[in-house]
Amino acid sequence: MWTFSLLLLLTVWQASAVSVFPLSVSAEALEADDSEKESTSDRVERQSFFARFATVTEVSCTGASDGLQGSCKKQADCLSDGGDLDGACNQAFAFCCVYKPASCGSKLKTSIGYIQSEDYPEDAPEGGCSYSIAKHASDVVQLKIEFVDVELVGPTLGECMNDTMQITGVDYPNNLNIPICGSLTDNDPIYLSVKNSDGDTRITFDIGEESNARWKLKITQLKGADAAPPLCLKYYTQQEGIIRSFNHQDGIGEWLGNMNYAMCIKMQEDFCDISFTSNHFDIGDGKLCFGTECLTGNEFPLQLTYNCTNGPPVFSYMSGNTNDDFGSGFELTYLLQPNVY
C-alpha cells in the first residue's frame, strides 16, 4: 500500500508543472522574494528527497558571486562533476553551476568552464602546470578559448624564452602548435577543432623564475551550428570589429615568431565587401594576406577593401622567425560594407 502511494505521488508530481513538493508547496514558492533573496546555502538545505527526481533544463546562467558563466543544474549533478554552486536558477531545484578548477592536473568536462592559475589573481608558482579538457558530448567539434586574463612574460626577439602556454591534443593541423606568451588578456578568442580527437585536449603552462604570471581562460565546447569554419584559428562574427596579432598590447608588445594561421570573418546578409583600416601595422618580414594581396613590413594602405567576389573572407598571417626590430604586430579595424551589387 505504501509503495503504491509513493508511486502515485511521484506520477502526479512529474505530470504537474506547479506542484513539485507533495500536495502544498508550489514551484513559485521556491523562488526567492525580490526584496529578500535567499542564499545558495539556504536553498541547498531545503533540498528534499524529491529533488533527485526533478528535471532541470540545462541552460546558461551567470554566477552570483563573480559573474562567471555557468549552467543550470541540480545540486548533486553540479557537485559530482566538480562544479561550484553560485546562486539559484529560475527553476525548482536548479543552481547556477560554475566550473573553475584552479589546481594543476584538473580536468574540465562541461559545456562551459574556466581554468585559472593557483591562488588567482595572485602570481602563479614557478614550474609546469597542465589541465585536460574532455569533450562533454560526442558531437562537440570545437573548443572556443577566450583569454579572460592571461599575463605571461613576453618574448625575446619573437621567441618565448621564459613563460609559455601551449595547447596539444587537437585535430591536425593544430594552428597553435607552438608555445605562446606575453600579454594575451582580451586577445581575440581562438577556435580549435576536436571533431576527430578521441583523447583529451591539454593546456600546459610553464612558468619561469621571477615571473608575475597569472591566467584565467574561458573554454566553451561548440557543436556544429556554433563552430567556426574549418581551419580558422580566429573567427569574427560581428559587422565590425578589431583584428589583432598576439601580444600586440596597443602597439607596445612584440609579435611572436613562427606563427601561421588563418582569420575568418562571417559574411552577413545584405553585406558584401569588407574594408580594413590600420590602427597599427609593423610585422617585419612576416606576411598578412587578403586573398592574393599580401602585405609586409610596416606600411598599410590608407584603406584596403576585400571584394566578396574573391570568395570566403579568409585571411592568412605568417610571422617571421626572429623579431629583430621589436615590431609589435598589427591591429586592424574591419567593417562589412552594404551590398551594392
Protein backbone atom coordinates (compact mmCIF):
# COMPACT_ATOMS: atom_id res chain seq x y z
CA MET A 1 0.00 0.00 0.00
CA TRP A 2 2.81 2.46 0.90
CA THR A 3 4.68 1.56 -2.31
CA PHE A 4 1.57 2.26 -4.37
CA SER A 5 1.04 5.62 -2.63
CA LEU A 6 4.64 6.70 -3.28
CA LEU A 7 4.43 5.77 -6.96
CA LEU A 8 1.13 7.64 -7.27
CA LEU A 9 2.67 10.73 -5.64
CA LEU A 10 5.68 10.67 -7.98
CA THR A 11 3.40 10.26 -11.02
CA VAL A 12 1.31 13.26 -10.02
CA TRP A 13 4.47 15.30 -9.36
CA GLN A 14 6.00 14.50 -12.76
CA ALA A 15 2.80 15.41 -14.59
CA SER A 16 2.41 18.77 -12.90
CA ALA A 17 4.41 21.91 -13.67
CA VAL A 18 3.10 23.55 -10.49
CA SER A 19 3.44 21.15 -7.60
CA VAL A 20 6.95 19.88 -7.00
CA PHE A 21 6.53 19.33 -3.28
CA PRO A 22 3.85 16.88 -2.10
CA LEU A 23 0.38 18.48 -2.13
CA SER A 24 1.04 22.04 -1.00
CA VAL A 25 4.40 23.63 -1.97
CA SER A 26 4.49 25.19 -5.45
CA ALA A 27 7.46 25.91 -7.69
CA GLU A 28 6.79 29.63 -7.27
CA ALA A 29 7.27 29.26 -3.53
CA LEU A 30 10.82 28.06 -4.14
CA GLU A 31 11.86 31.31 -5.83
CA ALA A 32 13.46 33.98 -3.69
CA ASP A 33 11.38 37.02 -2.80
CA ASP A 34 12.52 40.09 -4.75
CA SER A 35 13.07 42.02 -1.55
CA GLU A 36 14.97 39.28 0.27
CA LYS A 37 16.86 36.82 -1.92
CA GLU A 38 17.77 33.54 -0.32
CA SER A 39 21.36 32.35 -0.26
CA THR A 40 22.60 29.28 -2.09
CA SER A 41 23.25 27.52 1.22
CA ASP A 42 19.66 28.16 2.38
CA ARG A 43 18.33 26.63 -0.80
CA VAL A 44 20.60 23.61 -0.51
CA GLU A 45 19.23 22.98 2.97
CA ARG A 46 15.71 22.84 1.54
CA GLN A 47 16.56 20.11 -0.96
CA SER A 48 14.32 17.10 -0.42
CA PHE A 49 14.03 13.53 -1.43
CA PHE A 50 12.06 14.59 -4.49
CA ALA A 51 14.89 16.74 -5.88
CA ARG A 52 16.51 13.55 -7.11
CA PHE A 53 13.57 13.02 -9.47
CA ALA A 54 13.27 16.60 -10.71
CA THR A 55 14.02 17.53 -14.31
CA VAL A 56 16.20 20.61 -14.76
CA THR A 57 16.68 22.22 -18.17
CA GLU A 58 20.41 22.86 -18.61
CA VAL A 59 20.58 26.46 -19.81
CA SER A 60 23.24 29.13 -19.48
CA CYS A 61 23.37 31.22 -16.31
CA THR A 62 25.56 33.83 -14.65
CA GLY A 63 27.16 33.14 -11.28
CA ALA A 64 26.03 35.39 -8.44
CA SER A 65 29.44 35.95 -6.84
CA ASP A 66 31.80 36.82 -9.70
CA GLY A 67 29.71 36.96 -12.87
CA LEU A 68 31.22 33.87 -14.49
CA GLN A 69 29.09 31.92 -16.96
CA GLY A 70 27.78 28.53 -15.91
CA SER A 71 24.95 26.07 -16.50
CA CYS A 72 21.76 25.46 -14.52
CA LYS A 73 21.99 22.05 -12.85
CA LYS A 74 20.76 20.14 -9.85
CA GLN A 75 22.95 20.32 -6.78
CA ALA A 76 24.09 16.70 -6.91
CA ASP A 77 24.90 16.82 -10.63
CA CYS A 78 26.95 20.01 -10.24
CA LEU A 79 28.99 18.81 -7.28
CA SER A 80 29.62 15.36 -8.73
CA ASP A 81 31.10 16.99 -11.86
CA GLY A 82 33.41 19.20 -9.81
CA GLY A 83 31.44 22.42 -10.18
CA ASP A 84 30.69 25.18 -7.68
CA LEU A 85 27.16 26.28 -6.73
CA ASP A 86 26.96 30.01 -7.36
CA GLY A 87 23.39 31.21 -6.94
CA ALA A 88 19.96 29.89 -7.83
CA CYS A 89 18.45 29.48 -11.29
CA ASN A 90 14.85 30.30 -12.15
CA GLN A 91 13.88 26.65 -11.91
CA ALA A 92 12.92 24.47 -8.96
CA PHE A 93 15.92 22.53 -7.58
CA ALA A 94 18.28 24.31 -10.02
CA PHE A 95 21.51 26.14 -9.23
CA CYS A 96 23.97 28.06 -11.37
CA CYS A 97 26.87 25.63 -11.61
CA VAL A 98 30.23 27.25 -12.45
CA TYR A 99 33.29 25.17 -13.29
CA LYS A 100 36.63 26.81 -12.49
CA PRO A 101 39.24 24.29 -11.35
CA ALA A 102 42.39 26.02 -10.10
CA SER A 103 44.67 23.13 -9.22
CA CYS A 104 47.19 21.82 -11.73
CA GLY A 105 46.20 18.46 -13.18
CA SER A 106 42.47 19.26 -13.11
CA LYS A 107 40.11 18.02 -15.81
CA LEU A 108 37.28 20.07 -17.28
CA LYS A 109 34.35 18.21 -18.84
CA THR A 110 31.48 20.62 -19.28
CA SER A 111 29.97 22.79 -22.00
CA ILE A 112 31.33 25.99 -20.41
CA GLY A 113 34.10 26.28 -17.86
CA TYR A 114 37.19 28.17 -16.73
CA ILE A 115 40.72 27.24 -15.82
CA GLN A 116 42.78 29.58 -13.70
CA SER A 117 46.15 29.63 -12.01
CA GLU A 118 46.55 28.56 -8.41
CA ASP A 119 45.82 31.41 -5.97
CA TYR A 120 44.48 33.53 -8.86
CA PRO A 121 44.75 36.51 -9.21
CA GLU A 122 48.00 36.23 -7.22
CA ASP A 123 51.18 35.27 -9.07
CA ALA A 124 51.35 31.67 -10.23
CA PRO A 125 54.13 29.49 -8.79
CA GLU A 126 57.20 28.64 -10.83
CA GLY A 127 57.18 25.42 -12.84
CA GLY A 128 54.81 23.46 -15.05
CA CYS A 129 51.03 23.29 -14.74
CA SER A 130 48.65 21.49 -17.09
CA TYR A 131 44.91 20.96 -17.43
CA SER A 132 42.95 18.49 -19.54
CA ILE A 133 39.75 19.22 -21.43
CA ALA A 134 37.44 16.28 -22.17
CA LYS A 135 34.52 16.55 -24.58
CA HIS A 136 31.26 16.67 -22.61
CA ALA A 137 29.33 15.20 -25.56
CA SER A 138 30.27 13.11 -28.59
CA ASP A 139 29.05 15.76 -31.06
CA VAL A 140 31.39 18.50 -29.79
CA VAL A 141 33.54 19.64 -32.75
CA GLN A 142 35.49 22.67 -31.49
CA LEU A 143 36.88 24.36 -28.41
CA LYS A 144 36.49 28.13 -28.18
CA ILE A 145 39.17 29.53 -25.87
CA GLU A 146 38.86 33.08 -24.55
CA PHE A 147 41.75 34.87 -22.86
CA VAL A 148 39.89 36.46 -19.95
CA ASP A 149 43.07 37.38 -18.07
CA VAL A 150 46.38 35.91 -19.23
CA GLU A 151 49.62 37.65 -18.34
CA LEU A 152 52.92 35.91 -19.08
CA VAL A 153 56.45 37.17 -19.61
CA GLY A 154 56.79 38.37 -23.21
CA PRO A 155 59.01 37.02 -25.98
CA THR A 156 62.66 37.78 -26.69
CA LEU A 157 63.18 38.61 -30.37
CA GLY A 158 59.92 36.82 -31.11
CA GLU A 159 60.68 33.64 -29.16
CA CYS A 160 59.01 32.68 -25.88
CA MET A 161 62.01 32.03 -23.62
CA ASN A 162 60.56 32.26 -20.10
CA ASP A 163 56.81 31.76 -19.57
CA THR A 164 54.89 29.69 -22.13
CA MET A 165 51.40 28.41 -22.85
CA GLN A 166 50.87 25.52 -25.23
CA ILE A 167 47.82 23.56 -26.42
CA THR A 168 48.03 19.96 -27.61
CA GLY A 169 45.63 17.10 -28.30
CA VAL A 170 43.52 18.80 -31.00
CA ASP A 171 42.89 17.89 -34.63
CA TYR A 172 45.56 18.25 -37.30
CA PRO A 173 46.60 20.81 -38.32
CA ASN A 174 46.96 22.47 -34.92
CA ASN A 175 47.22 26.15 -35.86
CA LEU A 176 48.58 26.92 -32.42
CA ASN A 177 51.19 24.19 -32.26
CA ILE A 178 53.95 26.35 -30.79
CA PRO A 179 54.23 27.95 -27.34
CA ILE A 180 52.79 31.45 -26.98
CA CYS A 181 53.48 34.07 -24.34
CA GLY A 182 53.16 37.73 -23.46
CA SER A 183 50.09 39.74 -22.53
CA LEU A 184 47.15 37.83 -24.01
CA THR A 185 44.38 39.38 -21.91
CA ASP A 186 41.31 40.15 -24.03
CA ASN A 187 43.08 38.83 -27.11
CA ASP A 188 40.82 37.55 -29.88
CA PRO A 189 39.29 34.15 -28.97
CA ILE A 190 40.71 31.12 -30.73
CA TYR A 191 38.89 28.10 -32.16
CA LEU A 192 40.50 24.65 -32.23
CA SER A 193 38.99 21.56 -33.84
CA VAL A 194 38.48 18.43 -31.72
CA LYS A 195 35.98 16.71 -34.01
CA ASN A 196 38.27 13.77 -34.75
CA SER A 197 40.08 13.71 -31.41
CA ASP A 198 39.39 10.78 -29.12
CA GLY A 199 41.65 11.85 -26.26
CA ASP A 200 41.67 14.93 -24.06
CA THR A 201 42.97 18.32 -25.10
CA ARG A 202 45.79 19.55 -22.86
CA ILE A 203 46.63 23.13 -21.96
CA THR A 204 50.07 23.48 -20.40
CA PHE A 205 51.74 26.46 -18.75
CA ASP A 206 55.45 26.55 -18.00
CA ILE A 207 56.38 29.44 -15.71
CA GLY A 208 59.93 30.66 -15.29
CA GLU A 209 61.73 32.36 -12.44
CA GLU A 210 60.78 35.79 -11.15
CA SER A 211 57.56 35.86 -13.13
CA ASN A 212 54.32 37.62 -12.29
CA ALA A 213 52.31 35.20 -14.38
CA ARG A 214 48.62 34.56 -13.90
CA TRP A 215 45.86 33.19 -16.09
CA LYS A 216 42.14 32.71 -16.43
CA LEU A 217 40.77 31.10 -19.60
CA LYS A 218 37.14 30.55 -20.56
CA ILE A 219 36.57 27.36 -22.54
CA THR A 220 33.35 26.72 -24.45
CA GLN A 221 32.69 23.43 -26.22
CA LEU A 222 30.95 24.03 -29.55
CA LYS A 223 28.73 21.85 -31.67
CA GLY A 224 28.28 22.15 -35.42
CA ALA A 225 25.90 25.12 -35.65
CA ASP A 226 28.09 27.34 -33.46
CA ALA A 227 31.50 26.31 -34.77
CA ALA A 228 33.88 28.48 -36.77
CA PRO A 229 34.66 27.45 -40.37
CA PRO A 230 37.37 24.78 -40.66
CA LEU A 231 40.98 25.92 -40.15
CA CYS A 232 40.01 29.36 -38.84
CA LEU A 233 42.01 29.97 -35.68
CA LYS A 234 40.23 33.29 -35.15
CA TYR A 235 36.64 33.95 -36.19
CA TYR A 236 34.85 37.30 -36.21
CA THR A 237 31.04 37.31 -36.33
CA GLN A 238 30.14 40.99 -35.92
CA GLN A 239 29.52 43.59 -38.64
CA GLU A 240 32.58 45.49 -37.45
CA GLY A 241 35.43 44.82 -35.08
CA ILE A 242 39.14 44.72 -34.32
CA ILE A 243 41.63 42.14 -35.59
CA ARG A 244 44.98 41.97 -33.80
CA SER A 245 48.04 39.78 -33.50
CA PHE A 246 49.05 38.01 -30.30
CA ASN A 247 50.77 40.16 -27.66
CA HIS A 248 50.08 43.38 -29.56
CA GLN A 249 49.39 45.41 -26.39
CA ASP A 250 48.17 48.51 -28.20
CA GLY A 251 51.44 48.78 -30.10
CA ILE A 252 53.92 48.29 -27.24
CA GLY A 253 54.20 44.50 -27.35
CA GLU A 254 56.23 42.27 -29.68
CA TRP A 255 54.93 39.90 -32.32
CA LEU A 256 55.53 36.18 -31.77
CA GLY A 257 57.72 34.33 -34.26
CA ASN A 258 56.82 31.34 -36.43
CA MET A 259 53.06 31.86 -36.28
CA ASN A 260 50.99 30.58 -39.21
CA TYR A 261 47.21 30.75 -39.00
CA ALA A 262 44.02 31.93 -40.69
CA MET A 263 41.48 34.53 -39.57
CA CYS A 264 37.92 34.47 -40.89
CA ILE A 265 35.03 36.93 -40.92
CA LYS A 266 31.43 35.75 -41.01
CA MET A 267 29.52 37.09 -44.00
CA GLN A 268 26.11 38.56 -43.26
CA GLU A 269 23.00 39.05 -45.34
CA ASP A 270 22.92 42.27 -47.40
CA PHE A 271 26.67 42.85 -46.88
CA CYS A 272 29.48 42.07 -49.27
CA ASP A 273 32.84 43.89 -49.33
CA ILE A 274 34.98 44.34 -46.22
CA SER A 275 37.06 47.44 -45.60
CA PHE A 276 40.17 47.43 -43.42
CA THR A 277 41.96 50.36 -41.82
CA SER A 278 45.15 50.13 -39.79
CA ASN A 279 45.41 51.23 -36.18
CA HIS A 280 48.95 49.89 -36.10
CA PHE A 281 50.98 47.75 -38.51
CA ASP A 282 54.55 46.53 -38.01
CA ILE A 283 55.06 42.86 -38.87
CA GLY A 284 58.69 42.84 -40.02
CA ASP A 285 59.31 40.14 -42.60
CA GLY A 286 56.00 38.44 -41.90
CA LYS A 287 53.07 38.33 -44.34
CA LEU A 288 49.41 39.25 -43.88
CA CYS A 289 47.39 38.23 -46.93
CA PHE A 290 43.97 39.39 -48.12
CA GLY A 291 43.22 36.99 -50.93
CA THR A 292 46.05 37.41 -53.44
CA GLU A 293 47.26 40.70 -51.93
CA CYS A 294 49.91 40.23 -49.26
CA LEU A 295 51.41 42.97 -47.09
CA THR A 296 54.67 43.01 -45.16
CA GLY A 297 56.88 45.48 -43.27
CA ASN A 298 55.22 48.49 -41.63
CA GLU A 299 53.22 50.06 -44.46
CA PHE A 300 49.46 49.58 -44.78
CA PRO A 301 47.21 51.27 -47.37
CA LEU A 302 45.03 54.16 -46.22
CA GLN A 303 42.15 51.75 -46.71
CA LEU A 304 42.13 48.21 -48.03
CA THR A 305 38.94 46.67 -49.43
CA TYR A 306 38.37 42.95 -49.79
CA ASN A 307 35.86 42.20 -52.54
CA CYS A 308 33.37 39.49 -51.65
CA THR A 309 33.52 38.13 -55.19
CA ASN A 310 37.01 36.86 -54.31
CA GLY A 311 35.46 34.12 -52.21
CA PRO A 312 35.07 33.47 -48.46
CA PRO A 313 36.78 36.12 -46.30
CA VAL A 314 39.73 34.10 -45.02
CA PHE A 315 42.96 35.98 -44.26
CA SER A 316 46.27 34.29 -43.52
CA TYR A 317 49.08 35.53 -41.30
CA MET A 318 52.62 34.17 -41.25
CA SER A 319 55.06 35.83 -38.88
CA GLY A 320 58.81 35.89 -39.34
CA ASN A 321 61.32 33.79 -37.44
CA THR A 322 63.10 36.50 -35.46
CA ASN A 323 61.71 39.85 -34.34
CA ASP A 324 64.97 41.78 -34.65
CA ASP A 325 63.21 45.13 -34.94
CA PHE A 326 60.90 44.56 -31.94
CA GLY A 327 57.83 45.07 -34.10
CA SER A 328 54.51 44.85 -32.26
CA GLY A 329 52.46 43.18 -34.99
CA PHE A 330 49.14 44.51 -36.26
CA GLU A 331 45.80 45.89 -35.16
CA LEU A 332 43.19 46.48 -37.86
CA THR A 333 39.60 47.71 -37.82
CA TYR A 334 37.29 45.88 -40.23
CA LEU A 335 33.83 46.93 -41.44
CA LEU A 336 31.37 44.99 -43.59
CA GLN A 337 30.02 47.18 -46.39
CA PRO A 338 26.37 47.09 -47.58
CA ASN A 339 25.83 45.10 -50.75
CA VAL A 340 25.63 47.37 -53.82
CA TYR A 341 25.84 44.65 -56.45
